Amino acid sequence: MGRVLSAGRIHGPAGSLISLASAGRFEPPAPRVLAGLLQGQVYRVRVTNIPGHEGEEVYPTVEVIDRTWPPPNMAHRFPIPVVLGENDLGLALAGKFVTRVIYIEDPRNALPVAQEPGRQDWFDARPGEDPLQVADVLGRPVAIVRIGGRTPDDASQPSMQFLFNCPVFQRMTK
């Protein structure tokens, strides 16, 4: 079986810029990134131009743990939504560590509420609870986002270990 790609759309608060690590460096920043990501890989992301925190950077990771099953040639229309919220970025800049598990809602248990575009609903796991298990009850976990806790020793030349060896991704334009 070949490599399994799931589309991921990564974005932060209005005005922030997102870069994915590739070939030992970060790609040019953009307001959002749409890319085919490999299942089972961890991607390092750089977030800059954070509102209220100009000049500071955060380096979250996106771990793809399952895939989506879009119709053929339509992955770009059904990406895993990775929303790096202003509150989460602020917590990371204050030295906190945030873990978000992104899941596909179970239609039998879905809340009968329309979701705002660009917004991601979330639930807090209680102390001692495993966020992956909480997400598993709510639906099918597809990605784990970890924000805070790590910065590169040298931002201009981060180590390959810090970049998780830069797994390949396929940039999508739609």
Protein backbone atom coordinates (compact mmCIF):
# COMPACT_ATOMS: atom_id res chain seq x y z
CA MET A 1 0.00 0.00 0.00
CA GLY A 2 1.29 3.48 -0.86
CA ARG A 3 1.58 6.45 1.43
CA VAL A 4 -1.74 7.69 2.77
CA LEU A 5 -2.23 11.46 2.53
CA SER A 6 -4.94 13.39 4.31
CA ALA A 7 -5.45 17.04 3.54
CA GLY A 8 -4.86 19.37 6.45
CA ARG A 9 -5.79 23.06 6.59
CA ILE A 10 -3.68 24.85 9.21
CA HIS A 11 -4.42 28.42 10.24
CA GLY A 12 -4.20 30.72 13.21
CA PRO A 13 -5.85 33.96 14.25
CA ALA A 14 -6.36 36.72 11.70
CA GLY A 15 -3.02 38.28 10.80
CA SER A 16 -0.87 35.37 11.95
CA LEU A 17 1.40 33.52 9.53
CA ILE A 18 1.94 29.76 9.26
CA SER A 19 4.97 27.84 7.94
CA LEU A 20 5.50 24.08 7.63
CA ALA A 21 8.97 22.59 8.02
CA SER A 22 10.42 21.15 4.82
CA ALA A 23 13.94 19.98 3.94
CA GLY A 24 15.48 21.32 7.15
CA ARG A 25 13.89 24.77 7.10
CA PHE A 26 10.50 26.44 7.30
CA GLU A 27 8.58 27.19 4.12
CA PRO A 28 7.68 30.84 3.38
CA PRO A 29 4.89 31.94 5.74
CA ALA A 30 1.27 32.23 4.66
CA PRO A 31 -2.02 33.06 6.42
CA ARG A 32 -3.06 29.41 6.06
CA VAL A 33 -1.55 26.22 4.74
CA LEU A 34 -3.43 23.50 2.86
CA ALA A 35 -1.32 20.40 2.42
CA GLY A 36 -1.54 16.65 2.00
CA LEU A 37 -0.05 15.18 5.18
CA LEU A 38 1.13 11.63 5.73
CA GLN A 39 -0.67 9.48 8.26
CA GLY A 40 1.60 8.48 11.13
CA GLN A 41 3.88 11.53 10.82
CA VAL A 42 4.51 14.55 13.03
CA TYR A 43 4.81 17.94 11.31
CA ARG A 44 6.50 20.96 12.91
CA VAL A 45 4.78 24.29 12.27
CA ARG A 46 5.99 27.83 12.94
CA VAL A 47 3.44 30.51 13.81
CA THR A 48 4.56 34.14 13.55
CA ASN A 49 2.93 37.56 13.51
CA ILE A 50 0.62 36.49 16.35
CA PRO A 51 -1.83 39.30 17.22
CA GLY A 52 -0.75 40.98 20.45
CA HIS A 53 2.54 39.05 20.43
CA GLU A 54 4.42 40.55 17.46
CA GLY A 55 8.01 39.35 17.28
CA GLU A 56 7.23 36.14 19.18
CA GLU A 57 6.95 32.69 17.62
CA VAL A 58 5.30 29.41 18.57
CA TYR A 59 6.28 26.00 17.17
CA PRO A 60 3.33 23.59 17.45
CA THR A 61 3.26 20.07 16.08
CA VAL A 62 0.52 18.34 14.11
CA GLU A 63 0.53 14.55 14.39
CA VAL A 64 -1.69 12.83 11.81
CA ILE A 65 -3.07 9.68 13.48
CA ASP A 66 -5.83 8.69 11.07
CA ARG A 67 -7.12 9.76 7.71
CA THR A 68 -10.20 11.23 6.20
CA TRP A 69 -11.99 9.44 3.39
CA PRO A 70 -12.98 12.12 0.88
CA PRO A 71 -14.28 11.26 -2.59
CA PRO A 72 -11.51 10.80 -5.21
CA ASN A 73 -9.70 14.05 -6.11
CA MET A 74 -11.60 16.02 -3.47
CA ALA A 75 -9.25 15.86 -0.46
CA HIS A 76 -8.73 19.63 -0.64
CA ARG A 77 -12.47 20.14 0.00
CA PHE A 78 -12.51 17.99 3.14
CA PRO A 79 -9.30 18.76 5.05
CA ILE A 80 -8.55 18.07 8.68
CA PRO A 81 -9.13 21.51 10.23
CA VAL A 82 -6.17 22.56 12.38
CA VAL A 83 -7.13 25.83 14.08
CA LEU A 84 -4.34 27.33 16.17
CA GLY A 85 -6.46 29.59 18.34
CA GLU A 86 -5.35 32.91 19.78
CA ASN A 87 -6.01 31.69 23.34
CA ASP A 88 -3.97 28.49 22.83
CA LEU A 89 -1.09 30.44 21.29
CA GLY A 90 -1.20 32.90 24.20
CA LEU A 91 -1.08 30.04 26.69
CA ALA A 92 1.95 28.58 24.88
CA LEU A 93 3.70 31.96 24.93
CA ALA A 94 3.03 32.11 28.69
CA GLY A 95 4.87 28.78 29.12
CA LYS A 96 1.85 26.45 29.15
CA PHE A 97 1.48 23.27 27.10
CA VAL A 98 -1.76 22.73 25.17
CA THR A 99 -2.87 19.45 23.59
CA ARG A 100 -5.80 19.36 21.18
CA VAL A 101 -7.15 16.18 19.62
CA ILE A 102 -8.99 16.82 16.36
CA TYR A 103 -11.72 14.34 15.66
CA ILE A 104 -14.38 13.70 13.06
CA GLU A 105 -17.70 13.95 14.82
CA ASP A 106 -19.77 10.78 15.10
CA PRO A 107 -22.96 11.67 13.18
CA ARG A 108 -25.06 9.69 15.67
CA ASN A 109 -23.81 11.91 18.51
CA ALA A 110 -23.36 15.19 16.63
CA LEU A 111 -24.59 18.36 18.24
CA PRO A 112 -27.43 19.90 16.18
CA VAL A 113 -25.57 23.20 15.82
CA ALA A 114 -23.95 24.75 12.75
CA GLN A 115 -20.22 25.29 13.17
CA GLU A 116 -18.83 28.74 12.43
CA PRO A 117 -16.37 28.72 9.50
CA GLY A 118 -12.78 29.05 10.74
CA ARG A 119 -13.76 28.16 14.29
CA GLN A 120 -13.14 24.83 15.97
CA ASP A 121 -15.30 23.62 18.83
CA TRP A 122 -13.45 21.93 21.68
CA PHE A 123 -13.95 20.16 24.98
CA ASP A 124 -11.62 20.20 27.96
CA ALA A 125 -10.41 16.89 29.30
CA ARG A 126 -10.58 16.81 33.09
CA PRO A 127 -7.37 16.43 35.09
CA GLY A 128 -6.17 12.86 34.76
CA GLU A 129 -8.26 12.20 31.65
CA ASP A 130 -6.57 11.19 28.41
CA PRO A 131 -7.64 13.72 25.71
CA LEU A 132 -7.35 11.02 23.05
CA GLN A 133 -9.85 8.84 24.92
CA VAL A 134 -12.24 11.80 25.32
CA ALA A 135 -12.05 12.49 21.56
CA ASP A 136 -12.57 8.80 20.83
CA VAL A 137 -15.89 8.90 22.70
CA LEU A 138 -16.98 11.98 20.70
CA GLY A 139 -15.95 10.69 17.27
CA ARG A 140 -12.91 9.43 15.35
CA PRO A 141 -9.60 11.14 16.26
CA VAL A 142 -7.57 12.13 13.18
CA ALA A 143 -4.84 14.45 14.50
CA ILE A 144 -3.14 15.61 17.70
CA VAL A 145 -1.98 19.22 17.96
CA ARG A 146 0.57 20.09 20.64
CA ILE A 147 1.30 23.76 21.29
CA GLY A 148 4.02 25.10 23.58
CA GLY A 149 6.89 23.60 25.47
CA ARG A 150 9.53 23.60 22.72
CA THR A 151 11.45 26.16 20.73
CA PRO A 152 14.50 25.54 18.55
CA ASP A 153 17.96 26.27 19.94
CA ASP A 154 18.63 28.26 16.76
CA ALA A 155 15.49 29.51 14.98
CA SER A 156 17.47 30.26 11.82
CA GLN A 157 18.78 26.66 11.63
CA PRO A 158 16.55 24.28 13.64
CA SER A 159 17.81 20.73 14.09
CA MET A 160 16.26 17.90 12.11
CA GLN A 161 15.29 16.29 15.42
CA PHE A 162 13.31 19.41 16.35
CA LEU A 163 11.69 19.32 12.88
CA PHE A 164 10.84 15.59 13.21
CA ASN A 165 13.05 14.98 10.17
CA CYS A 166 10.70 17.05 7.99
CA PRO A 167 8.23 14.46 6.74
CA VAL A 168 7.15 15.16 3.19
CA PHE A 169 3.88 16.87 2.42
CA GLN A 170 2.09 17.81 -0.75
CA ARG A 171 1.15 21.48 -1.01
CA MET A 172 -2.44 21.93 -2.18
CA THR A 173 -3.70 25.13 -3.77
CA LYS A 174 -7.48 24.86 -3.69
